[in-house]
């Protein structure tokens, strides 16, 4: 059974940075594209960044709202995907989740990111 454990969230001031991590169990990790998703209160869950498998070049793609500020990366040896978030804005406040892309359910608990002064 696949397990996803997100960490690294917290409270940060506008303009600050956070680095999220997602540890994935199971043997699926290196073969799959991975994504970071977020869900703000009262809103649908949305994809913010994704990265293909290393065998497909580790190509990244970002939502327009985070392009130039967020960077997704992966470490197959550690079965971990990261999201470096810079120049954070209040509208980035949400619970952040990782999952395969496209997602197939089986969500972790997520990690809360709050951007506020």
Protein backbone atom coordinates (compact mmCIF):
# COMPACT_ATOMS: atom_id res chain seq x y z
CA UNK A 1 0.00 0.00 0.00
CA UNK A 2 1.31 3.39 -0.97
CA UNK A 3 1.86 5.88 1.80
CA UNK A 4 2.68 9.55 1.35
CA UNK A 5 3.94 11.66 4.24
CA UNK A 6 4.24 15.40 3.72
CA UNK A 7 6.21 17.71 5.98
CA UNK A 8 7.83 21.13 6.13
CA UNK A 9 4.84 23.40 6.34
CA UNK A 10 4.41 26.21 8.82
CA UNK A 11 3.68 29.87 9.36
CA UNK A 12 5.74 32.29 7.30
CA UNK A 13 5.56 35.99 6.53
CA UNK A 14 4.83 37.24 3.02
CA UNK A 15 7.98 37.10 0.95
CA UNK A 16 9.37 34.21 2.96
CA UNK A 17 10.34 30.70 1.93
CA UNK A 18 9.53 27.14 2.88
CA UNK A 19 10.69 23.77 1.62
CA UNK A 20 8.17 20.95 1.65
CA UNK A 21 9.12 17.28 1.57
CA UNK A 22 7.08 14.20 0.71
CA UNK A 23 8.32 10.75 1.58
CA UNK A 24 6.70 7.98 -0.45
CA UNK A 25 6.66 4.34 0.51
CA UNK A 26 6.50 1.53 -2.00
CA UNK A 27 8.32 0.75 -5.20
CA UNK A 28 6.21 2.96 -7.40
CA UNK A 29 8.02 6.21 -6.79
CA UNK A 30 10.79 6.18 -9.36
CA UNK A 31 8.48 5.05 -12.15
CA UNK A 32 5.83 7.74 -11.74
CA UNK A 33 5.39 11.41 -12.35
CA UNK A 34 4.79 13.17 -9.05
CA UNK A 35 2.87 16.29 -8.22
CA UNK A 36 2.34 18.79 -5.46
CA UNK A 37 -1.25 19.84 -4.94
CA UNK A 38 -2.88 22.29 -2.57
CA UNK A 39 -6.32 22.96 -1.17
CA UNK A 40 -7.26 26.30 0.32
CA UNK A 41 -10.32 26.67 2.58
CA UNK A 42 -13.50 26.56 0.56
CA UNK A 43 -11.68 25.75 -2.67
CA UNK A 44 -11.05 22.69 -4.79
CA UNK A 45 -7.75 20.89 -4.61
CA UNK A 46 -5.45 22.12 -7.37
CA UNK A 47 -2.20 20.97 -8.93
CA UNK A 48 0.62 23.46 -8.42
CA UNK A 49 3.66 21.59 -9.74
CA UNK A 50 4.57 18.29 -11.30
CA UNK A 51 7.67 16.42 -12.35
CA UNK A 52 8.02 13.46 -14.68
CA UNK A 53 9.97 10.35 -13.80
CA UNK A 54 13.72 10.57 -14.09
CA UNK A 55 13.62 8.15 -17.03
CA UNK A 56 11.45 10.71 -18.82
CA UNK A 57 13.85 13.53 -18.04
CA UNK A 58 12.46 14.89 -14.80
CA UNK A 59 10.57 17.56 -16.73
CA UNK A 60 8.77 20.06 -14.54
CA UNK A 61 5.58 22.02 -15.04
CA UNK A 62 3.96 24.70 -12.87
CA UNK A 63 0.66 26.40 -12.40
CA UNK A 64 0.78 29.99 -13.59
CA UNK A 65 0.13 31.23 -10.06
CA UNK A 66 3.42 29.78 -8.76
CA UNK A 67 5.63 29.88 -11.84
CA UNK A 68 8.97 31.51 -11.08
CA UNK A 69 8.47 31.17 -7.31
CA UNK A 70 8.14 27.41 -6.69
CA UNK A 71 10.54 24.64 -7.69
CA UNK A 72 9.71 20.93 -7.63
CA UNK A 73 12.46 18.32 -7.48
CA UNK A 74 12.82 14.63 -6.68
CA UNK A 75 15.35 12.28 -5.14
CA UNK A 76 14.62 8.72 -6.23
CA UNK A 77 17.20 7.26 -3.84
CA UNK A 78 15.23 8.76 -0.97
CA UNK A 79 11.78 8.27 -2.52
CA UNK A 80 11.18 11.93 -1.79
CA UNK A 81 9.77 14.80 -3.76
CA UNK A 82 10.39 18.39 -2.69
CA UNK A 83 8.72 21.74 -3.24
CA UNK A 84 10.86 24.81 -2.68
CA UNK A 85 8.56 27.79 -2.23
CA UNK A 86 9.98 31.30 -2.41
CA UNK A 87 8.39 34.77 -2.39
CA UNK A 88 5.35 33.35 -0.64
CA UNK A 89 2.09 35.25 -0.79
CA UNK A 90 -0.99 35.13 1.45
CA UNK A 91 -2.88 33.43 -1.39
CA UNK A 92 -0.46 30.49 -1.14
CA UNK A 93 -2.05 29.61 2.20
CA UNK A 94 -3.39 26.07 1.91
CA UNK A 95 -2.86 22.46 2.88
CA UNK A 96 -0.24 21.01 0.54
CA UNK A 97 -0.28 17.39 -0.60
CA UNK A 98 1.87 15.26 -2.83
CA UNK A 99 0.68 12.41 -4.99
CA UNK A 100 1.41 10.74 -8.25
CA UNK A 101 0.42 12.66 -11.36
CA UNK A 102 -2.27 12.30 -12.38
CA UNK A 103 -3.56 11.60 -8.89
CA UNK A 104 -5.32 8.32 -8.14
CA UNK A 105 -6.56 8.97 -4.60
CA UNK A 106 -4.77 7.70 -1.51
CA UNK A 107 -3.93 11.15 -0.19
CA UNK A 108 -1.68 11.73 2.80
CA UNK A 109 -2.48 14.06 5.67
CA UNK A 110 -0.92 17.05 3.94
CA UNK A 111 1.08 19.86 5.49
CA UNK A 112 -0.37 23.26 6.36
CA UNK A 113 1.25 26.35 4.88
CA UNK A 114 0.10 29.68 6.26
CA UNK A 115 1.44 32.93 4.81
CA UNK A 116 0.55 35.84 7.03
CA UNK A 117 2.08 38.86 8.66
